[in-house]
C-alpha cells in the first residue's frame, strides 16, 4: 500500500500543512493535485471540499483529522502520536 497516493488540496487551506508533514514524516511519496484540476468534485462527491487523500485504488479519505488518523494507522513507522495519554492529548490540541 502507498503506491500512487494523491493529495487533493486547495492552496489556501491551512489544514494541508499537517497532512503534508505527516506524509513526509512517514516517508510516503505522493502527488499533489490542486482542486482546480478537479472542479467537478469527482474525488469527493459528497462534500466537494478539500483536503482529500486519494489512495492507490482511487478511494478517497476526507477531512484532515480522519486523513491523519488513517495515515498513522496504516503506516506505523514514525508514529504521529505518543503512547503517553497526556502527550497524545497535547499533540491533538
Protein backbone atom coordinates (compact mmCIF):
# COMPACT_ATOMS: atom_id res chain seq x y z
CA UNK A 1 0.00 0.00 0.00
CA UNK A 2 1.17 3.55 -0.53
CA UNK A 3 1.72 3.44 -4.26
CA UNK A 4 0.24 6.35 -6.14
CA UNK A 5 -1.08 8.37 -3.20
CA UNK A 6 -2.57 11.68 -4.28
CA UNK A 7 -3.33 14.63 -2.07
CA UNK A 8 -6.10 16.86 -3.41
CA UNK A 9 -5.62 20.33 -1.94
CA UNK A 10 -6.52 23.98 -2.13
CA UNK A 11 -3.53 26.27 -1.68
CA UNK A 12 -5.39 28.47 0.80
CA UNK A 13 -6.20 25.59 3.17
CA UNK A 14 -4.31 25.75 6.49
CA UNK A 15 -5.11 22.07 7.16
CA UNK A 16 -2.84 20.86 4.39
CA UNK A 17 0.36 21.51 6.33
CA UNK A 18 -0.43 18.85 8.93
CA UNK A 19 -1.13 16.25 6.29
CA UNK A 20 1.98 17.10 4.26
CA UNK A 21 4.05 16.94 7.47
CA UNK A 22 2.59 13.51 8.32
CA UNK A 23 3.23 12.13 4.83
CA UNK A 24 6.84 13.35 4.91
CA UNK A 25 7.41 12.08 8.47
CA UNK A 26 6.20 8.65 7.36
CA UNK A 27 8.44 8.79 4.27
CA UNK A 28 5.49 8.40 1.89
CA UNK A 29 5.57 9.56 -1.69
CA UNK A 30 2.51 11.31 -3.04
CA UNK A 31 1.39 13.55 -5.87
CA UNK A 32 -0.26 16.90 -5.19
CA UNK A 33 -3.41 17.68 -7.15
CA UNK A 34 -4.83 21.19 -6.83
CA UNK A 35 -8.60 21.45 -6.52
CA UNK A 36 -8.91 23.45 -9.73
CA UNK A 37 -7.83 20.27 -11.53
CA UNK A 38 -10.91 18.50 -10.11
CA UNK A 39 -13.59 21.17 -10.41
CA UNK A 40 -16.47 18.72 -10.76
CA UNK A 41 -15.74 17.08 -7.40
CA UNK A 42 -15.12 13.58 -8.76
CA UNK A 43 -12.79 12.74 -5.90
CA UNK A 44 -15.04 13.99 -3.12
CA UNK A 45 -18.60 13.87 -4.46
CA UNK A 46 -20.28 14.07 -1.05
CA UNK A 47 -18.71 17.19 0.45
CA UNK A 48 -16.84 18.68 -2.52
CA UNK A 49 -14.20 20.08 -0.20
CA UNK A 50 -10.51 19.50 0.35
CA UNK A 51 -8.19 18.09 1.51
CA UNK A 52 -8.75 14.60 0.15
CA UNK A 53 -6.23 11.76 0.25
CA UNK A 54 -6.72 9.50 -2.76
CA UNK A 55 -5.46 6.00 -2.16
CA UNK A 56 -3.69 3.80 -4.70
CA UNK A 57 -7.03 2.22 -5.66
CA UNK A 58 -8.72 5.61 -6.12
CA UNK A 59 -10.72 5.51 -2.89
CA UNK A 60 -10.91 8.90 -1.14
CA UNK A 61 -10.27 9.66 2.53
CA UNK A 62 -11.69 13.06 3.52
CA UNK A 63 -11.41 15.52 6.42
CA UNK A 64 -7.99 16.47 7.82
CA UNK A 65 -8.16 14.64 11.17
CA UNK A 66 -9.54 11.48 9.57
CA UNK A 67 -6.74 11.59 6.97
CA UNK A 68 -4.12 11.95 9.73
CA UNK A 69 -5.58 9.05 11.71
CA UNK A 70 -5.67 6.89 8.58
CA UNK A 71 -2.04 7.68 7.72
CA UNK A 72 -0.92 6.85 11.25
CA UNK A 73 -2.91 3.59 11.40
CA UNK A 74 -1.82 2.25 8.01
CA UNK A 75 1.84 3.29 8.06
CA UNK A 76 3.15 2.54 11.54
CA UNK A 77 6.70 3.87 11.12
CA UNK A 78 7.35 7.17 12.90
CA UNK A 79 4.08 7.39 14.90
CA UNK A 80 2.36 10.77 14.86
CA UNK A 81 1.11 10.43 18.44
CA UNK A 82 2.84 9.38 21.64
CA UNK A 83 1.68 6.32 23.56
CA UNK A 84 1.54 8.52 26.67
CA UNK A 85 -2.10 9.70 27.08
CA UNK A 86 -1.15 13.21 28.21
CA UNK A 87 1.34 13.75 25.38
CA UNK A 88 -1.20 12.36 22.93
CA UNK A 89 -3.83 14.84 24.18
CA UNK A 90 -1.38 17.74 23.88
CA UNK A 91 -0.46 16.71 20.32
CA UNK A 92 -4.14 16.56 19.34
CA UNK A 93 -4.64 20.10 20.63
